[in-house]
């Protein structure tokens, strides 16, 4: 199954900490916009995609996920509670082919919430790692983020990208 990641699962290390998957392509989802308004159980904002009323696009990563790993990913994403799933068509940024992909859509949204810095780091790391358009990366960099009051969680999440580093706050 092809899955379209537009948030923290764009990062290879973040996704690999959850399930094995194979990179397929970077892609564009037209007529949508990215929002950090999915209300998480930790009180922060996570990524969601919403239809756009103006010309807009969300960029992300297409992963091949084996069927037996999908239930594990669904649990991480809170399928049936925090997120629902849908099928969309995205455009491969390399060769413009159309790909039918599964994506998660937020169900518990709230305006004005912000992501934690570690979550934003996952998103940015994935976007940079996969060479998403520079303007899109700049837009991600401009998203305001909050420090996680749970310093252990912050350290654990950041360590996904550099487990050999001991991080100080």
N, C-alpha and C. Protein backbone atom coordinates (compact mmCIF):
# COMPACT_ATOMS: atom_id res chain seq x y z
N UNK A 1 0.85 -1.17 0.00
CA UNK A 1 0.00 0.00 0.00
C UNK A 1 0.89 1.23 0.00
N UNK A 2 0.49 2.25 -0.75
CA UNK A 2 1.22 3.51 -0.78
C UNK A 2 0.60 4.47 0.22
N UNK A 3 1.44 5.02 1.10
CA UNK A 3 0.98 5.97 2.12
C UNK A 3 1.66 7.32 1.89
N UNK A 4 0.88 8.38 1.96
CA UNK A 4 1.39 9.74 1.80
C UNK A 4 1.63 10.35 3.17
N UNK A 5 2.90 10.62 3.48
CA UNK A 5 3.28 11.24 4.74
C UNK A 5 3.53 12.73 4.49
N UNK A 6 2.91 13.57 5.29
CA UNK A 6 3.05 15.02 5.13
C UNK A 6 3.49 15.69 6.42
N UNK A 7 3.61 14.92 7.49
CA UNK A 7 4.01 15.45 8.79
C UNK A 7 5.27 14.76 9.28
N UNK A 8 5.28 14.33 10.52
CA UNK A 8 6.48 13.76 11.11
C UNK A 8 6.93 12.47 10.43
N UNK A 9 6.02 11.74 9.82
CA UNK A 9 6.39 10.48 9.16
C UNK A 9 7.14 10.69 7.85
N UNK A 10 7.35 11.95 7.44
CA UNK A 10 8.23 12.19 6.29
C UNK A 10 9.66 11.83 6.65
N UNK A 11 10.02 11.95 7.91
CA UNK A 11 11.37 11.63 8.36
C UNK A 11 11.58 10.12 8.35
N UNK A 12 12.63 9.69 7.66
CA UNK A 12 12.93 8.27 7.58
C UNK A 12 13.13 7.67 8.97
N UNK A 13 13.90 8.36 9.83
CA UNK A 13 14.16 7.83 11.17
C UNK A 13 12.89 7.78 12.01
N UNK A 14 12.05 8.79 11.90
CA UNK A 14 10.80 8.81 12.68
C UNK A 14 9.92 7.63 12.26
N UNK A 15 9.74 7.44 10.96
CA UNK A 15 8.90 6.34 10.50
C UNK A 15 9.53 4.99 10.84
N UNK A 16 10.85 4.88 10.68
CA UNK A 16 11.53 3.61 10.98
C UNK A 16 11.43 3.24 12.45
N UNK A 17 11.28 4.24 13.33
CA UNK A 17 11.09 3.95 14.75
C UNK A 17 9.71 3.36 15.01
N UNK A 18 8.84 3.46 14.02
CA UNK A 18 7.48 2.95 14.13
C UNK A 18 7.27 1.66 13.34
N UNK A 19 7.60 1.71 12.05
CA UNK A 19 7.43 0.56 11.17
C UNK A 19 8.48 0.60 10.06
N UNK A 20 8.77 -0.55 9.45
CA UNK A 20 9.61 -0.51 8.25
C UNK A 20 8.77 -0.05 7.06
N UNK A 21 9.37 0.72 6.18
CA UNK A 21 8.70 1.18 4.97
C UNK A 21 9.76 1.47 3.92
N UNK A 22 9.35 1.46 2.67
CA UNK A 22 10.28 1.72 1.56
C UNK A 22 9.91 3.04 0.90
N UNK A 23 10.90 3.92 0.72
CA UNK A 23 10.68 5.18 0.04
C UNK A 23 10.28 4.93 -1.41
N UNK A 24 9.24 5.64 -1.86
CA UNK A 24 8.78 5.54 -3.25
C UNK A 24 9.04 6.84 -4.00
N UNK A 25 8.61 7.97 -3.42
CA UNK A 25 8.71 9.24 -4.14
C UNK A 25 8.43 10.41 -3.22
N UNK A 26 8.85 11.58 -3.65
CA UNK A 26 8.34 12.81 -3.06
C UNK A 26 7.18 13.23 -3.95
N UNK A 27 6.18 13.87 -3.35
CA UNK A 27 4.97 14.13 -4.12
C UNK A 27 4.29 15.42 -3.68
N UNK A 28 3.37 15.86 -4.54
CA UNK A 28 2.58 17.07 -4.29
C UNK A 28 1.10 16.71 -4.28
N UNK A 29 0.41 17.20 -3.27
CA UNK A 29 -1.04 17.04 -3.17
C UNK A 29 -1.64 18.41 -3.47
N UNK A 30 -2.21 18.57 -4.64
CA UNK A 30 -2.77 19.86 -5.05
C UNK A 30 -4.10 20.12 -4.36
N UNK A 31 -4.42 21.41 -4.24
CA UNK A 31 -5.70 21.89 -3.70
C UNK A 31 -5.89 21.56 -2.21
N UNK A 32 -4.79 21.37 -1.49
CA UNK A 32 -4.81 21.16 -0.04
C UNK A 32 -3.80 22.10 0.59
N UNK A 33 -3.95 22.30 1.88
CA UNK A 33 -2.96 23.04 2.65
C UNK A 33 -2.64 22.28 3.93
N UNK A 34 -1.45 22.53 4.44
CA UNK A 34 -1.00 21.90 5.67
C UNK A 34 -1.41 22.77 6.85
N UNK A 35 -1.89 22.12 7.90
CA UNK A 35 -2.23 22.83 9.14
C UNK A 35 -1.67 22.04 10.32
N UNK A 36 -1.21 22.75 11.33
CA UNK A 36 -0.73 22.11 12.56
C UNK A 36 -1.84 22.22 13.60
N UNK A 37 -3.04 21.81 13.24
CA UNK A 37 -4.19 22.02 14.11
C UNK A 37 -4.83 20.73 14.64
N UNK A 38 -4.20 19.60 14.39
CA UNK A 38 -4.70 18.34 14.93
C UNK A 38 -4.35 18.29 16.41
N UNK A 39 -5.35 18.29 17.26
CA UNK A 39 -5.13 18.33 18.71
C UNK A 39 -4.63 16.97 19.18
N UNK A 40 -3.44 16.96 19.74
CA UNK A 40 -2.83 15.73 20.23
C UNK A 40 -3.15 15.53 21.70
N UNK A 41 -3.05 14.30 22.14
CA UNK A 41 -3.27 13.99 23.55
C UNK A 41 -2.26 14.66 24.47
N UNK A 42 -1.12 15.07 23.93
CA UNK A 42 -0.12 15.77 24.75
C UNK A 42 -0.36 17.28 24.79
N UNK A 43 -1.44 17.74 24.16
CA UNK A 43 -1.80 19.16 24.19
C UNK A 43 -1.22 20.00 23.08
N UNK A 44 -0.42 19.40 22.23
CA UNK A 44 0.21 20.14 21.15
C UNK A 44 -0.53 19.93 19.83
N UNK A 45 -0.11 20.67 18.82
CA UNK A 45 -0.69 20.54 17.49
C UNK A 45 0.15 19.64 16.62
N UNK A 46 -0.52 18.74 15.92
CA UNK A 46 0.14 17.87 14.95
C UNK A 46 -0.38 18.23 13.56
N UNK A 47 0.27 17.70 12.53
CA UNK A 47 -0.09 18.04 11.16
C UNK A 47 -1.41 17.42 10.72
N UNK A 48 -2.05 18.15 9.83
CA UNK A 48 -3.28 17.72 9.18
C UNK A 48 -3.27 18.34 7.79
N UNK A 49 -4.02 17.75 6.88
CA UNK A 49 -4.21 18.35 5.56
C UNK A 49 -5.68 18.69 5.41
N UNK A 50 -5.92 19.87 4.85
CA UNK A 50 -7.28 20.33 4.66
C UNK A 50 -7.45 20.87 3.25
N UNK A 51 -8.62 20.67 2.65
CA UNK A 51 -8.86 21.23 1.32
C UNK A 51 -8.65 22.75 1.35
N UNK A 52 -8.03 23.27 0.31
CA UNK A 52 -7.72 24.69 0.23
C UNK A 52 -8.73 25.40 -0.66
N UNK A 53 -9.14 26.58 -0.22
CA UNK A 53 -10.06 27.38 -1.03
C UNK A 53 -9.32 28.21 -2.07
N UNK A 54 -8.03 28.29 -1.95
CA UNK A 54 -7.21 29.02 -2.91
C UNK A 54 -6.16 28.06 -3.46
N UNK A 55 -5.53 28.40 -4.57
CA UNK A 55 -4.50 27.50 -5.10
C UNK A 55 -3.41 27.24 -4.05
N UNK A 56 -3.21 26.00 -3.73
CA UNK A 56 -2.28 25.61 -2.69
C UNK A 56 -1.88 24.16 -2.91
N UNK A 57 -0.83 23.73 -2.21
CA UNK A 57 -0.40 22.34 -2.31
C UNK A 57 0.31 21.94 -1.03
N UNK A 58 0.24 20.66 -0.74
CA UNK A 58 0.98 20.05 0.36
C UNK A 58 2.00 19.11 -0.28
N UNK A 59 3.23 19.20 0.19
CA UNK A 59 4.27 18.31 -0.30
C UNK A 59 4.56 17.26 0.76
N UNK A 60 4.96 16.09 0.30
CA UNK A 60 5.23 15.03 1.25
C UNK A 60 5.98 13.88 0.62
N UNK A 61 5.98 12.77 1.34
CA UNK A 61 6.73 11.58 0.95
C UNK A 61 5.76 10.41 0.81
N UNK A 62 5.93 9.66 -0.26
CA UNK A 62 5.14 8.45 -0.47
C UNK A 62 6.00 7.26 -0.04
N UNK A 63 5.44 6.46 0.85
CA UNK A 63 6.10 5.26 1.37
C UNK A 63 5.30 4.03 0.95
N UNK A 64 6.00 2.96 0.66
CA UNK A 64 5.39 1.65 0.46
C UNK A 64 5.35 0.97 1.82
N UNK A 65 4.15 0.65 2.30
CA UNK A 65 3.97 0.02 3.60
C UNK A 65 3.34 -1.35 3.37
N UNK A 66 3.96 -2.38 3.89
CA UNK A 66 3.40 -3.72 3.76
C UNK A 66 2.13 -3.83 4.59
N UNK A 67 1.16 -4.59 4.09
CA UNK A 67 -0.16 -4.69 4.72
C UNK A 67 -0.07 -5.11 6.19
N UNK A 68 0.86 -5.98 6.53
CA UNK A 68 0.94 -6.45 7.91
C UNK A 68 1.53 -5.39 8.85
N UNK A 69 2.13 -4.31 8.33
CA UNK A 69 2.62 -3.21 9.17
C UNK A 69 1.62 -2.08 9.31
N UNK A 70 0.61 -2.06 8.44
CA UNK A 70 -0.36 -0.96 8.45
C UNK A 70 -1.11 -0.85 9.78
N UNK A 71 -1.57 -1.94 10.42
CA UNK A 71 -2.25 -1.79 11.71
C UNK A 71 -1.38 -1.12 12.79
N UNK A 72 -0.08 -1.38 12.76
CA UNK A 72 0.82 -0.71 13.72
C UNK A 72 0.87 0.78 13.44
N UNK A 73 1.00 1.16 12.18
CA UNK A 73 1.01 2.58 11.83
C UNK A 73 -0.32 3.23 12.20
N UNK A 74 -1.42 2.52 11.96
CA UNK A 74 -2.75 3.04 12.32
C UNK A 74 -2.83 3.34 13.82
N UNK A 75 -2.26 2.46 14.64
CA UNK A 75 -2.26 2.71 16.10
C UNK A 75 -1.46 3.95 16.45
N UNK A 76 -0.29 4.11 15.85
CA UNK A 76 0.51 5.31 16.11
C UNK A 76 -0.24 6.58 15.71
N UNK A 77 -0.98 6.50 14.61
CA UNK A 77 -1.69 7.68 14.11
C UNK A 77 -3.05 7.89 14.78
N UNK A 78 -3.47 6.97 15.60
CA UNK A 78 -4.76 7.11 16.27
C UNK A 78 -5.93 6.96 15.30
N UNK A 79 -5.80 6.05 14.34
CA UNK A 79 -6.87 5.84 13.37
C UNK A 79 -8.15 5.43 14.09
N UNK A 80 -9.22 6.09 13.72
CA UNK A 80 -10.52 5.82 14.33
C UNK A 80 -10.83 6.73 15.49
N UNK A 81 -9.84 7.46 15.94
CA UNK A 81 -10.04 8.42 17.04
C UNK A 81 -9.50 9.79 16.63
N UNK A 82 -8.19 9.91 16.56
CA UNK A 82 -7.56 11.19 16.23
C UNK A 82 -7.60 11.45 14.72
N UNK A 83 -7.40 10.41 13.95
CA UNK A 83 -7.36 10.53 12.49
C UNK A 83 -8.29 9.51 11.86
N UNK A 84 -8.76 9.84 10.67
CA UNK A 84 -9.43 8.89 9.80
C UNK A 84 -8.52 8.74 8.59
N UNK A 85 -8.84 7.83 7.70
CA UNK A 85 -8.00 7.71 6.51
C UNK A 85 -8.83 7.93 5.26
N UNK A 86 -8.14 8.33 4.23
CA UNK A 86 -8.77 8.57 2.95
C UNK A 86 -7.80 8.18 1.85
N UNK A 87 -8.31 8.12 0.64
CA UNK A 87 -7.47 7.87 -0.53
C UNK A 87 -7.44 9.13 -1.37
N UNK A 88 -6.25 9.52 -1.79
CA UNK A 88 -6.03 10.73 -2.57
C UNK A 88 -5.12 10.42 -3.74
N UNK A 89 -5.06 11.34 -4.68
CA UNK A 89 -4.12 11.22 -5.79
C UNK A 89 -3.08 12.33 -5.65
N UNK A 90 -1.82 11.93 -5.64
CA UNK A 90 -0.71 12.88 -5.56
C UNK A 90 0.12 12.78 -6.83
N UNK A 91 0.94 13.81 -7.06
CA UNK A 91 1.79 13.85 -8.25
C UNK A 91 3.24 13.68 -7.84
N UNK A 92 3.91 12.69 -8.42
CA UNK A 92 5.32 12.44 -8.17
C UNK A 92 6.12 13.65 -8.65
N UNK A 93 6.97 14.19 -7.79
CA UNK A 93 7.74 15.38 -8.15
C UNK A 93 8.84 15.10 -9.16
N UNK A 94 9.24 13.84 -9.31
CA UNK A 94 10.32 13.50 -10.24
C UNK A 94 9.82 13.32 -11.66
N UNK A 95 8.75 12.56 -11.82
CA UNK A 95 8.32 12.23 -13.19
C UNK A 95 6.85 12.58 -13.49
N UNK A 96 6.19 13.28 -12.58
CA UNK A 96 4.81 13.75 -12.75
C UNK A 96 3.76 12.66 -12.87
N UNK A 97 4.12 11.41 -12.54
CA UNK A 97 3.09 10.36 -12.58
C UNK A 97 2.13 10.55 -11.41
N UNK A 98 0.92 10.09 -11.60
CA UNK A 98 -0.11 10.18 -10.58
C UNK A 98 -0.07 8.90 -9.74
N UNK A 99 -0.12 9.08 -8.42
CA UNK A 99 -0.09 7.95 -7.50
C UNK A 99 -1.33 8.00 -6.60
N UNK A 100 -2.03 6.89 -6.49
CA UNK A 100 -3.14 6.79 -5.55
C UNK A 100 -2.58 6.35 -4.21
N UNK A 101 -2.82 7.17 -3.19
CA UNK A 101 -2.20 6.95 -1.89
C UNK A 101 -3.22 7.02 -0.77
N UNK A 102 -2.89 6.37 0.33
CA UNK A 102 -3.65 6.48 1.56
C UNK A 102 -3.06 7.65 2.34
N UNK A 103 -3.90 8.41 3.02
CA UNK A 103 -3.43 9.49 3.89
C UNK A 103 -4.34 9.57 5.11
N UNK A 104 -3.79 10.09 6.20
CA UNK A 104 -4.55 10.30 7.42
C UNK A 104 -5.07 11.73 7.45
N UNK A 105 -6.33 11.90 7.89
CA UNK A 105 -6.98 13.20 7.98
C UNK A 105 -7.38 13.42 9.44
N UNK A 106 -7.01 14.57 9.99
CA UNK A 106 -7.28 14.88 11.38
C UNK A 106 -8.76 14.98 11.70
N UNK A 107 -9.14 14.50 12.87
CA UNK A 107 -10.54 14.52 13.30
C UNK A 107 -10.77 15.37 14.55
N UNK A 108 -9.71 15.73 15.25
CA UNK A 108 -9.85 16.51 16.49
C UNK A 108 -9.01 17.77 16.31
N UNK A 109 -9.58 18.74 15.62
CA UNK A 109 -8.82 19.93 15.29
C UNK A 109 -9.23 21.11 16.15
N UNK A 110 -8.29 22.02 16.34
CA UNK A 110 -8.54 23.24 17.11
C UNK A 110 -7.64 24.34 16.57
N UNK A 111 -8.16 25.52 16.45
CA UNK A 111 -7.37 26.65 16.00
C UNK A 111 -6.49 27.16 17.14
N UNK A 112 -5.33 27.68 16.78
CA UNK A 112 -4.47 28.32 17.76
C UNK A 112 -3.53 27.41 18.52
N UNK A 113 -3.56 26.12 18.28
CA UNK A 113 -2.60 25.25 18.96
C UNK A 113 -1.32 25.18 18.15
N UNK A 114 -0.23 24.89 18.82
CA UNK A 114 1.08 24.87 18.17
C UNK A 114 1.75 23.53 18.41
N UNK A 115 2.63 23.16 17.49
CA UNK A 115 3.40 21.92 17.70
C UNK A 115 4.50 22.14 18.72
N UNK A 116 4.96 21.05 19.29
CA UNK A 116 6.16 21.11 20.11
C UNK A 116 7.37 21.19 19.18
N UNK A 117 8.47 21.72 19.69
CA UNK A 117 9.67 21.89 18.86
C UNK A 117 10.18 20.56 18.32
N UNK A 118 10.09 19.50 19.10
CA UNK A 118 10.57 18.20 18.62
C UNK A 118 9.72 17.69 17.46
N UNK A 119 8.42 17.95 17.49
CA UNK A 119 7.56 17.51 16.40
C UNK A 119 7.89 18.30 15.13
N UNK A 120 8.02 19.61 15.29
CA UNK A 120 8.40 20.44 14.14
C UNK A 120 9.74 19.97 13.59
N UNK A 121 10.65 19.56 14.45
CA UNK A 121 11.95 19.05 14.02
C UNK A 121 11.79 17.79 13.15
N UNK A 122 10.90 16.89 13.55
CA UNK A 122 10.63 15.69 12.73
C UNK A 122 10.15 16.11 11.34
N UNK A 123 9.20 17.03 11.30
CA UNK A 123 8.62 17.47 10.02
C UNK A 123 9.70 18.11 9.15
N UNK A 124 10.45 19.04 9.71
CA UNK A 124 11.50 19.72 8.95
C UNK A 124 12.59 18.76 8.49
N UNK A 125 12.98 17.86 9.36
CA UNK A 125 14.01 16.89 9.00
C UNK A 125 13.57 16.07 7.80
N UNK A 126 12.33 15.60 7.82
CA UNK A 126 11.81 14.83 6.69
C UNK A 126 11.74 15.64 5.42
N UNK A 127 11.29 16.88 5.52
CA UNK A 127 11.19 17.75 4.34
C UNK A 127 12.56 18.02 3.74
N UNK A 128 13.54 18.30 4.58
CA UNK A 128 14.90 18.57 4.10
C UNK A 128 15.55 17.30 3.55
N UNK A 129 15.37 16.21 4.26
CA UNK A 129 15.96 14.92 3.85
C UNK A 129 15.51 14.52 2.45
N UNK A 130 14.27 14.79 2.14
CA UNK A 130 13.70 14.36 0.86
C UNK A 130 13.66 15.47 -0.18
N UNK A 131 14.28 16.60 0.11
CA UNK A 131 14.44 17.65 -0.89
C UNK A 131 13.15 18.30 -1.34
N UNK A 132 12.23 18.53 -0.41
CA UNK A 132 11.01 19.23 -0.77
C UNK A 132 11.36 20.66 -1.20
N UNK A 133 10.48 21.33 -1.94
CA UNK A 133 10.81 22.66 -2.47
C UNK A 133 11.26 23.63 -1.38
N UNK A 134 12.29 24.44 -1.68
CA UNK A 134 12.83 25.38 -0.69
C UNK A 134 11.77 26.31 -0.09
N UNK A 135 10.85 26.82 -0.88
CA UNK A 135 9.81 27.70 -0.35
C UNK A 135 8.92 26.99 0.64
N UNK A 136 8.65 25.72 0.40
CA UNK A 136 7.83 24.93 1.32
C UNK A 136 8.58 24.71 2.63
N UNK A 137 9.88 24.42 2.53
CA UNK A 137 10.69 24.24 3.74
C UNK A 137 10.74 25.54 4.54
N UNK A 138 10.89 26.68 3.85
CA UNK A 138 10.89 27.97 4.56
C UNK A 138 9.57 28.19 5.29
N UNK A 139 8.46 27.80 4.66
CA UNK A 139 7.15 27.94 5.31
C UNK A 139 7.08 27.06 6.56
N UNK A 140 7.62 25.86 6.49
CA UNK A 140 7.65 24.98 7.66
C UNK A 140 8.53 25.58 8.76
N UNK A 141 9.65 26.15 8.37
CA UNK A 141 10.55 26.76 9.35
C UNK A 141 9.87 27.91 10.09
N UNK A 142 8.95 28.59 9.43
CA UNK A 142 8.30 29.76 10.03
C UNK A 142 7.17 29.40 11.01
N UNK A 143 6.81 28.12 11.08
CA UNK A 143 5.75 27.69 12.00
C UNK A 143 6.22 27.89 13.44
N UNK A 144 5.43 28.57 14.23
CA UNK A 144 5.76 28.76 15.63
C UNK A 144 5.57 27.45 16.39
N UNK A 145 6.51 27.16 17.27
CA UNK A 145 6.46 25.92 18.04
C UNK A 145 6.74 26.23 19.51
N UNK A 146 6.29 25.33 20.36
CA UNK A 146 6.44 25.46 21.81
C UNK A 146 7.42 24.42 22.34
N UNK A 147 8.10 24.77 23.43
CA UNK A 147 8.92 23.79 24.12
C UNK A 147 8.00 22.80 24.84
N UNK A 148 8.30 21.55 24.75
CA UNK A 148 7.54 20.52 25.43
C UNK A 148 7.89 20.56 26.92
N UNK A 149 6.90 20.71 27.81
CA UNK A 149 7.21 20.70 29.24
C UNK A 149 7.73 19.34 29.73
N UNK A 150 7.48 18.29 28.95
CA UNK A 150 7.98 16.96 29.29
C UNK A 150 9.37 16.81 28.66
N UNK A 151 10.40 17.14 29.42
CA UNK A 151 11.76 17.15 28.88
C UNK A 151 12.25 15.76 28.48
N UNK A 152 11.77 14.73 29.16
CA UNK A 152 12.16 13.37 28.78
C UNK A 152 11.62 13.03 27.40
N UNK A 153 10.36 13.38 27.14
CA UNK A 153 9.77 13.12 25.82
C UNK A 153 10.53 13.90 24.75
N UNK A 154 10.83 15.16 25.03
CA UNK A 154 11.59 15.98 24.08
C UNK A 154 12.90 15.29 23.73
N UNK A 155 13.66 14.89 24.74
CA UNK A 155 14.96 14.25 24.51
C UNK A 155 14.81 12.95 23.72
N UNK A 156 13.81 12.15 24.06
CA UNK A 156 13.56 10.87 23.38
C UNK A 156 13.23 11.10 21.90
N UNK A 157 12.38 12.08 21.62
CA UNK A 157 11.97 12.35 20.24
C UNK A 157 13.11 12.91 19.40
N UNK A 158 13.89 13.82 19.97
CA UNK A 158 15.02 14.39 19.24
C UNK A 158 16.08 13.31 18.99
N UNK A 159 16.25 12.41 19.95
CA UNK A 159 17.26 11.36 19.82
C UNK A 159 16.99 10.41 18.66
N UNK A 160 15.78 10.38 18.16
CA UNK A 160 15.46 9.53 17.00
C UNK A 160 16.36 9.90 15.82
N UNK A 161 16.71 11.18 15.71
CA UNK A 161 17.51 11.65 14.58
C UNK A 161 19.01 11.55 14.84
N UNK A 162 19.41 11.49 16.08
CA UNK A 162 20.82 11.40 16.43
C UNK A 162 20.96 10.65 17.75
N UNK A 163 20.68 9.35 17.75
CA UNK A 163 20.67 8.60 19.01
C UNK A 163 22.00 8.60 19.74
N UNK A 164 23.09 8.87 19.03
CA UNK A 164 24.39 8.85 19.69
C UNK A 164 24.68 10.13 20.46
N UNK A 165 23.86 11.15 20.27
CA UNK A 165 24.06 12.42 20.97
C UNK A 165 23.33 12.44 22.30
N UNK A 166 23.95 13.02 23.29
CA UNK A 166 23.28 13.27 24.55
C UNK A 166 22.84 14.72 24.51
N UNK A 167 21.56 14.95 24.56
CA UNK A 167 21.04 16.30 24.42
C UNK A 167 20.82 16.95 25.77
N UNK A 168 21.20 18.20 25.85
CA UNK A 168 20.94 18.98 27.04
C UNK A 168 19.93 20.04 26.68
N UNK A 169 19.11 20.41 27.67
CA UNK A 169 18.11 21.45 27.44
C UNK A 169 18.44 22.63 28.30
